[in-house]
N, C-alpha and C. Protein backbone atom coordinates (compact mmCIF):
# COMPACT_ATOMS: atom_id res chain seq x y z
N UNK A 1 -37.30 -153.93 -155.84
CA UNK A 1 -36.55 -154.74 -156.77
C UNK A 1 -37.00 -154.39 -158.18
N UNK A 2 -36.04 -154.19 -159.07
CA UNK A 2 -36.40 -153.84 -160.45
C UNK A 2 -36.85 -155.08 -161.20
N UNK A 3 -37.52 -154.84 -162.30
CA UNK A 3 -38.00 -155.93 -163.14
C UNK A 3 -36.85 -156.78 -163.65
N UNK A 4 -35.73 -156.15 -164.03
CA UNK A 4 -34.57 -156.86 -164.56
C UNK A 4 -33.94 -157.78 -163.52
N UNK A 5 -33.86 -157.34 -162.29
CA UNK A 5 -33.21 -158.12 -161.24
C UNK A 5 -33.97 -159.40 -160.92
N UNK A 6 -35.26 -159.43 -161.16
CA UNK A 6 -36.04 -160.62 -160.82
C UNK A 6 -36.05 -161.67 -161.93
N UNK A 7 -35.52 -161.35 -163.09
CA UNK A 7 -35.52 -162.30 -164.20
C UNK A 7 -34.44 -163.36 -163.99
N UNK A 8 -34.81 -164.59 -164.32
CA UNK A 8 -33.85 -165.68 -164.24
C UNK A 8 -33.34 -165.97 -165.65
N UNK A 9 -32.07 -166.34 -165.71
CA UNK A 9 -31.45 -166.67 -166.99
C UNK A 9 -30.98 -168.12 -166.93
N UNK A 10 -31.31 -168.86 -167.97
CA UNK A 10 -30.90 -170.25 -168.05
C UNK A 10 -30.01 -170.49 -169.24
N UNK A 11 -29.29 -171.60 -169.19
CA UNK A 11 -28.48 -172.03 -170.32
C UNK A 11 -28.93 -173.44 -170.69
N UNK A 12 -29.26 -173.62 -171.95
CA UNK A 12 -29.71 -174.92 -172.46
C UNK A 12 -28.72 -175.34 -173.53
N UNK A 13 -28.06 -176.47 -173.31
CA UNK A 13 -27.03 -176.94 -174.22
C UNK A 13 -27.46 -178.25 -174.88
N UNK A 14 -27.25 -178.33 -176.17
CA UNK A 14 -27.73 -179.50 -176.92
C UNK A 14 -26.68 -180.60 -176.99
N UNK A 15 -27.13 -181.75 -177.44
CA UNK A 15 -26.23 -182.87 -177.63
C UNK A 15 -25.70 -182.88 -179.06
N UNK A 16 -24.80 -183.81 -179.30
CA UNK A 16 -24.31 -183.96 -180.66
C UNK A 16 -22.81 -183.82 -180.79
N UNK A 17 -22.06 -184.47 -179.93
CA UNK A 17 -20.60 -184.56 -180.07
C UNK A 17 -19.90 -183.23 -180.25
N UNK A 18 -19.64 -182.85 -181.51
CA UNK A 18 -18.87 -181.65 -181.81
C UNK A 18 -19.56 -180.37 -181.35
N UNK A 19 -20.86 -180.42 -181.15
CA UNK A 19 -21.56 -179.23 -180.64
C UNK A 19 -21.04 -178.84 -179.27
N UNK A 20 -20.55 -179.81 -178.53
CA UNK A 20 -19.99 -179.51 -177.21
C UNK A 20 -18.83 -178.54 -177.31
N UNK A 21 -17.99 -178.71 -178.33
CA UNK A 21 -16.86 -177.80 -178.54
C UNK A 21 -17.36 -176.42 -178.95
N UNK A 22 -18.38 -176.39 -179.81
CA UNK A 22 -18.97 -175.12 -180.22
C UNK A 22 -19.55 -174.39 -179.00
N UNK A 23 -20.27 -175.13 -178.16
CA UNK A 23 -20.86 -174.54 -176.95
C UNK A 23 -19.78 -173.97 -176.04
N UNK A 24 -18.66 -174.69 -175.94
CA UNK A 24 -17.55 -174.21 -175.11
C UNK A 24 -17.01 -172.90 -175.66
N UNK A 25 -16.93 -172.80 -176.99
CA UNK A 25 -16.46 -171.56 -177.60
C UNK A 25 -17.40 -170.40 -177.36
N UNK A 26 -18.70 -170.66 -177.45
CA UNK A 26 -19.69 -169.61 -177.19
C UNK A 26 -19.62 -169.17 -175.73
N UNK A 27 -19.52 -170.13 -174.83
CA UNK A 27 -19.43 -169.79 -173.41
C UNK A 27 -18.15 -169.00 -173.13
N UNK A 28 -17.06 -169.38 -173.77
CA UNK A 28 -15.81 -168.63 -173.61
C UNK A 28 -15.99 -167.19 -174.09
N UNK A 29 -16.67 -167.01 -175.22
CA UNK A 29 -16.94 -165.67 -175.72
C UNK A 29 -17.78 -164.87 -174.72
N UNK A 30 -18.84 -165.48 -174.23
CA UNK A 30 -19.71 -164.80 -173.27
C UNK A 30 -18.92 -164.36 -172.05
N UNK A 31 -18.07 -165.23 -171.53
CA UNK A 31 -17.35 -164.97 -170.28
C UNK A 31 -16.11 -164.10 -170.44
N UNK A 32 -15.58 -163.97 -171.64
CA UNK A 32 -14.34 -163.20 -171.78
C UNK A 32 -14.47 -161.97 -172.68
N UNK A 33 -15.49 -161.91 -173.52
CA UNK A 33 -15.54 -160.82 -174.50
C UNK A 33 -16.77 -159.93 -174.43
N UNK A 34 -17.83 -160.38 -173.80
CA UNK A 34 -18.99 -159.50 -173.65
C UNK A 34 -18.67 -158.40 -172.64
N UNK A 35 -19.30 -157.25 -172.79
CA UNK A 35 -19.08 -156.19 -171.80
C UNK A 35 -19.72 -156.55 -170.46
N UNK A 36 -19.18 -155.97 -169.40
CA UNK A 36 -19.80 -156.14 -168.08
C UNK A 36 -21.12 -155.38 -168.09
N UNK A 37 -22.13 -155.77 -167.38
CA UNK A 37 -22.23 -156.88 -166.44
C UNK A 37 -22.62 -158.20 -167.09
N UNK A 38 -22.88 -158.20 -168.42
CA UNK A 38 -23.33 -159.43 -169.09
C UNK A 38 -22.31 -160.55 -168.96
N UNK A 39 -21.03 -160.20 -168.99
CA UNK A 39 -19.96 -161.18 -168.92
C UNK A 39 -20.00 -161.98 -167.62
N UNK A 40 -20.36 -161.34 -166.54
CA UNK A 40 -20.34 -161.99 -165.23
C UNK A 40 -21.70 -162.48 -164.76
N UNK A 41 -22.71 -162.32 -165.59
CA UNK A 41 -24.06 -162.76 -165.21
C UNK A 41 -24.07 -164.26 -164.97
N UNK A 42 -24.57 -164.66 -163.84
CA UNK A 42 -24.62 -166.08 -163.47
C UNK A 42 -25.90 -166.69 -164.02
N UNK A 43 -25.78 -167.86 -164.62
CA UNK A 43 -26.96 -168.59 -165.08
C UNK A 43 -27.67 -169.18 -163.87
N UNK A 44 -28.99 -169.01 -163.82
CA UNK A 44 -29.77 -169.56 -162.71
C UNK A 44 -30.16 -171.00 -162.96
N UNK A 45 -30.27 -171.37 -164.21
CA UNK A 45 -30.69 -172.72 -164.59
C UNK A 45 -29.70 -173.26 -165.60
N UNK A 46 -29.25 -174.50 -165.40
CA UNK A 46 -28.30 -175.17 -166.29
C UNK A 46 -28.92 -176.50 -166.72
N UNK A 47 -29.04 -176.72 -168.02
CA UNK A 47 -29.58 -177.99 -168.50
C UNK A 47 -28.98 -178.33 -169.86
N UNK A 48 -29.01 -179.61 -170.18
CA UNK A 48 -28.48 -180.04 -171.47
C UNK A 48 -28.77 -181.49 -171.73
N UNK A 49 -28.50 -181.90 -172.95
CA UNK A 49 -28.68 -183.30 -173.36
C UNK A 49 -27.36 -183.82 -173.90
N UNK A 50 -27.02 -185.04 -173.53
CA UNK A 50 -25.82 -185.71 -174.01
C UNK A 50 -24.59 -184.87 -173.68
N UNK A 51 -23.80 -184.48 -174.69
CA UNK A 51 -22.61 -183.68 -174.40
C UNK A 51 -22.99 -182.34 -173.79
N UNK A 52 -24.16 -181.83 -174.13
CA UNK A 52 -24.64 -180.60 -173.52
C UNK A 52 -24.88 -180.75 -172.03
N UNK A 53 -25.29 -181.95 -171.59
CA UNK A 53 -25.48 -182.20 -170.16
C UNK A 53 -24.15 -182.20 -169.44
N UNK A 54 -23.12 -182.72 -170.09
CA UNK A 54 -21.78 -182.69 -169.49
C UNK A 54 -21.30 -181.25 -169.37
N UNK A 55 -21.46 -180.47 -170.43
CA UNK A 55 -21.07 -179.05 -170.37
C UNK A 55 -21.92 -178.29 -169.35
N UNK A 56 -23.21 -178.60 -169.28
CA UNK A 56 -24.10 -177.92 -168.32
C UNK A 56 -23.69 -178.26 -166.88
N UNK A 57 -23.28 -179.48 -166.63
CA UNK A 57 -22.84 -179.82 -165.28
C UNK A 57 -21.57 -179.05 -164.93
N UNK A 58 -20.73 -178.82 -165.93
CA UNK A 58 -19.53 -178.01 -165.70
C UNK A 58 -19.92 -176.57 -165.39
N UNK A 59 -20.85 -176.00 -166.17
CA UNK A 59 -21.24 -174.61 -165.92
C UNK A 59 -21.89 -174.46 -164.55
N UNK A 60 -22.64 -175.46 -164.14
CA UNK A 60 -23.28 -175.40 -162.81
C UNK A 60 -22.24 -175.49 -161.70
N UNK A 61 -21.24 -176.34 -161.89
CA UNK A 61 -20.24 -176.52 -160.83
C UNK A 61 -19.25 -175.37 -160.74
N UNK A 62 -19.17 -174.55 -161.78
CA UNK A 62 -18.25 -173.41 -161.76
C UNK A 62 -19.01 -172.08 -161.80
N UNK A 63 -20.28 -172.11 -161.46
CA UNK A 63 -21.13 -170.92 -161.56
C UNK A 63 -20.65 -169.76 -160.69
N UNK A 64 -19.94 -170.06 -159.62
CA UNK A 64 -19.49 -169.01 -158.71
C UNK A 64 -18.32 -168.19 -159.26
N UNK A 65 -17.71 -168.63 -160.36
CA UNK A 65 -16.57 -167.92 -160.93
C UNK A 65 -16.68 -167.87 -162.46
N UNK A 66 -17.49 -166.94 -162.99
CA UNK A 66 -17.73 -166.89 -164.44
C UNK A 66 -16.45 -166.75 -165.28
N UNK A 67 -15.47 -165.99 -164.83
CA UNK A 67 -14.24 -165.81 -165.60
C UNK A 67 -13.50 -167.14 -165.73
N UNK A 68 -13.38 -167.85 -164.62
CA UNK A 68 -12.74 -169.18 -164.62
C UNK A 68 -13.53 -170.13 -165.51
N UNK A 69 -14.84 -170.07 -165.40
CA UNK A 69 -15.73 -170.94 -166.17
C UNK A 69 -15.44 -170.85 -167.66
N UNK A 70 -15.39 -169.64 -168.18
CA UNK A 70 -15.16 -169.44 -169.61
C UNK A 70 -13.80 -169.90 -170.07
N UNK A 71 -12.78 -169.59 -169.29
CA UNK A 71 -11.41 -169.99 -169.67
C UNK A 71 -11.21 -171.49 -169.54
N UNK A 72 -11.70 -172.08 -168.46
CA UNK A 72 -11.47 -173.50 -168.21
C UNK A 72 -12.19 -174.39 -169.22
N UNK A 73 -13.45 -174.08 -169.54
CA UNK A 73 -14.16 -174.93 -170.50
C UNK A 73 -13.51 -174.83 -171.88
N UNK A 74 -13.02 -173.65 -172.23
CA UNK A 74 -12.30 -173.50 -173.50
C UNK A 74 -11.02 -174.34 -173.49
N UNK A 75 -10.27 -174.27 -172.41
CA UNK A 75 -9.02 -175.04 -172.31
C UNK A 75 -9.28 -176.54 -172.32
N UNK A 76 -10.34 -176.98 -171.64
CA UNK A 76 -10.67 -178.41 -171.63
C UNK A 76 -10.96 -178.91 -173.04
N UNK A 77 -11.78 -178.16 -173.76
CA UNK A 77 -12.16 -178.60 -175.10
C UNK A 77 -11.03 -178.44 -176.11
N UNK A 78 -10.25 -177.38 -176.01
CA UNK A 78 -9.17 -177.19 -176.99
C UNK A 78 -8.03 -178.18 -176.76
N UNK A 79 -7.92 -178.73 -175.56
CA UNK A 79 -6.88 -179.71 -175.27
C UNK A 79 -7.34 -181.15 -175.42
N UNK A 80 -8.59 -181.35 -175.81
CA UNK A 80 -9.15 -182.70 -175.90
C UNK A 80 -8.57 -183.45 -177.10
N UNK A 81 -8.14 -184.68 -176.85
CA UNK A 81 -7.60 -185.54 -177.90
C UNK A 81 -8.36 -186.86 -177.89
N UNK A 82 -8.29 -187.59 -178.97
CA UNK A 82 -8.98 -188.88 -179.07
C UNK A 82 -8.57 -189.81 -177.93
N UNK A 83 -7.32 -189.74 -177.51
CA UNK A 83 -6.82 -190.59 -176.43
C UNK A 83 -7.53 -190.31 -175.10
N UNK A 84 -8.11 -189.10 -174.95
CA UNK A 84 -8.86 -188.76 -173.74
C UNK A 84 -10.25 -189.37 -173.74
N UNK A 85 -10.69 -189.89 -174.88
CA UNK A 85 -12.05 -190.37 -175.02
C UNK A 85 -12.13 -191.89 -175.14
N UNK A 86 -11.29 -192.46 -175.97
CA UNK A 86 -11.36 -193.91 -176.19
C UNK A 86 -9.98 -194.47 -176.52
N UNK A 87 -9.85 -195.78 -176.27
CA UNK A 87 -8.63 -196.48 -176.65
C UNK A 87 -8.80 -196.98 -178.08
N UNK A 88 -7.78 -196.83 -178.86
CA UNK A 88 -7.83 -197.32 -180.24
C UNK A 88 -6.53 -198.02 -180.60
N UNK A 89 -6.06 -198.82 -179.67
CA UNK A 89 -4.82 -199.55 -179.90
C UNK A 89 -5.12 -201.03 -180.13
N UNK A 90 -4.08 -201.80 -180.34
CA UNK A 90 -4.22 -203.23 -180.61
C UNK A 90 -4.89 -203.95 -179.45
N UNK A 91 -4.54 -203.55 -178.23
CA UNK A 91 -5.13 -204.19 -177.05
C UNK A 91 -6.64 -204.01 -177.02
N UNK A 92 -7.12 -202.83 -177.34
CA UNK A 92 -8.57 -202.58 -177.37
C UNK A 92 -9.25 -203.41 -178.46
N UNK A 93 -8.61 -203.50 -179.62
CA UNK A 93 -9.17 -204.31 -180.70
C UNK A 93 -9.23 -205.79 -180.32
N UNK A 94 -8.15 -206.30 -179.74
CA UNK A 94 -8.12 -207.70 -179.32
C UNK A 94 -9.16 -207.99 -178.25
N UNK A 95 -9.33 -207.07 -177.32
CA UNK A 95 -10.34 -207.23 -176.27
C UNK A 95 -11.73 -207.29 -176.88
N UNK A 96 -12.00 -206.42 -177.84
CA UNK A 96 -13.29 -206.42 -178.52
C UNK A 96 -13.53 -207.74 -179.25
N UNK A 97 -12.52 -208.21 -180.00
CA UNK A 97 -12.65 -209.46 -180.74
C UNK A 97 -12.86 -210.65 -179.80
N UNK A 98 -12.13 -210.67 -178.69
CA UNK A 98 -12.26 -211.76 -177.72
C UNK A 98 -13.67 -211.78 -177.12
N UNK A 99 -14.13 -210.64 -176.64
CA UNK A 99 -15.45 -210.56 -176.02
C UNK A 99 -16.55 -210.92 -177.02
N UNK A 100 -16.43 -210.42 -178.23
CA UNK A 100 -17.46 -210.69 -179.25
C UNK A 100 -17.48 -212.16 -179.65
N UNK A 101 -16.30 -212.75 -179.84
CA UNK A 101 -16.27 -214.16 -180.24
C UNK A 101 -16.75 -215.07 -179.12
N UNK A 102 -16.40 -214.75 -177.87
CA UNK A 102 -16.91 -215.53 -176.74
C UNK A 102 -18.42 -215.43 -176.65
N UNK A 103 -18.95 -214.25 -176.87
CA UNK A 103 -20.39 -214.05 -176.84
C UNK A 103 -21.09 -214.79 -177.96
N UNK A 104 -20.48 -214.78 -179.14
CA UNK A 104 -21.06 -215.49 -180.28
C UNK A 104 -21.12 -217.00 -180.01
N UNK A 105 -20.03 -217.56 -179.50
CA UNK A 105 -19.99 -218.98 -179.17
C UNK A 105 -21.02 -219.30 -178.09
N UNK A 106 -21.10 -218.45 -177.08
CA UNK A 106 -22.07 -218.64 -175.99
C UNK A 106 -23.50 -218.62 -176.53
N UNK A 107 -23.78 -217.70 -177.45
CA UNK A 107 -25.11 -217.63 -178.05
C UNK A 107 -25.43 -218.88 -178.86
N UNK A 108 -24.45 -219.40 -179.57
CA UNK A 108 -24.66 -220.60 -180.38
C UNK A 108 -24.91 -221.83 -179.50
N UNK A 109 -24.20 -221.91 -178.38
CA UNK A 109 -24.33 -223.07 -177.50
C UNK A 109 -25.57 -222.97 -176.61
N UNK A 110 -25.74 -221.84 -175.96
CA UNK A 110 -26.79 -221.70 -174.95
C UNK A 110 -28.03 -220.96 -175.45
N UNK A 111 -27.94 -220.35 -176.58
CA UNK A 111 -29.05 -219.54 -177.08
C UNK A 111 -28.90 -218.11 -176.61
N UNK A 112 -29.36 -217.19 -177.41
CA UNK A 112 -29.16 -215.76 -177.13
C UNK A 112 -29.83 -215.30 -175.84
N UNK A 113 -30.94 -215.91 -175.45
CA UNK A 113 -31.67 -215.44 -174.28
C UNK A 113 -31.00 -215.84 -172.97
N UNK A 114 -30.22 -216.91 -172.96
CA UNK A 114 -29.62 -217.38 -171.72
C UNK A 114 -28.24 -216.80 -171.46
N UNK A 115 -27.57 -216.36 -172.50
CA UNK A 115 -26.22 -215.85 -172.29
C UNK A 115 -26.27 -214.39 -171.88
N UNK A 116 -25.22 -213.97 -171.19
CA UNK A 116 -25.18 -212.57 -170.75
C UNK A 116 -24.81 -211.67 -171.93
N UNK A 117 -25.09 -210.42 -171.78
CA UNK A 117 -24.78 -209.45 -172.82
C UNK A 117 -23.27 -209.41 -173.02
N UNK A 118 -22.82 -209.56 -174.24
CA UNK A 118 -21.39 -209.60 -174.50
C UNK A 118 -20.89 -208.42 -175.32
N UNK A 119 -21.76 -207.77 -176.04
CA UNK A 119 -21.32 -206.67 -176.89
C UNK A 119 -21.40 -205.37 -176.11
N UNK A 120 -20.26 -204.74 -175.86
CA UNK A 120 -20.22 -203.50 -175.09
C UNK A 120 -19.88 -202.30 -175.96
N UNK A 121 -19.79 -202.51 -177.25
CA UNK A 121 -19.47 -201.43 -178.17
C UNK A 121 -18.14 -201.66 -178.86
N UNK A 122 -17.89 -200.87 -179.90
CA UNK A 122 -16.66 -201.02 -180.67
C UNK A 122 -15.46 -200.38 -179.99
N UNK A 123 -15.68 -199.35 -179.20
CA UNK A 123 -14.58 -198.61 -178.60
C UNK A 123 -14.59 -198.74 -177.08
N UNK A 124 -13.41 -198.79 -176.52
CA UNK A 124 -13.25 -198.81 -175.07
C UNK A 124 -13.15 -197.36 -174.60
N UNK A 125 -14.19 -196.89 -173.92
CA UNK A 125 -14.24 -195.49 -173.49
C UNK A 125 -13.73 -195.28 -172.07
N UNK A 126 -12.98 -196.23 -171.55
CA UNK A 126 -12.42 -196.12 -170.20
C UNK A 126 -11.64 -194.82 -169.99
N UNK A 127 -10.82 -194.34 -170.96
CA UNK A 127 -10.07 -193.10 -170.74
C UNK A 127 -10.95 -191.87 -170.50
N UNK A 128 -12.21 -191.92 -170.90
CA UNK A 128 -13.09 -190.76 -170.74
C UNK A 128 -13.45 -190.51 -169.28
N UNK A 129 -13.53 -191.56 -168.47
CA UNK A 129 -13.98 -191.41 -167.08
C UNK A 129 -13.15 -190.41 -166.28
N UNK A 130 -11.81 -190.51 -166.24
CA UNK A 130 -11.06 -189.51 -165.46
C UNK A 130 -11.15 -188.11 -166.05
N UNK A 131 -11.32 -188.02 -167.37
CA UNK A 131 -11.43 -186.71 -168.01
C UNK A 131 -12.69 -186.00 -167.57
N UNK A 132 -13.76 -186.76 -167.42
CA UNK A 132 -15.02 -186.16 -166.98
C UNK A 132 -14.92 -185.68 -165.56
């Protein structure tokens, strides 16, 4: 076995929202524009943080088809819209206001320690689940 064949290659992807799109572009470049055999080299280790962990899980699950991997991750990210991530309509705003005001009243009546957690964030990220 040659020295080169025994080396393992890993991919480490960082977090930070928009970096996920950048990482997808780099992966697309690696998989579609590098010369062979580098283009088809399979990563042995996949890891990431935050959005990088989501991208890393995708690279791990598609590791058996590098060409598909590069094209699909590019298509997923280039087709991503705000509606795929969170709701930003009147219904979401009203739900937030209702939950927050109920929690505030509960805290005033029962005290903050006895009431259940009522603040779940400003945005409803339910649409993100099927996208993932």
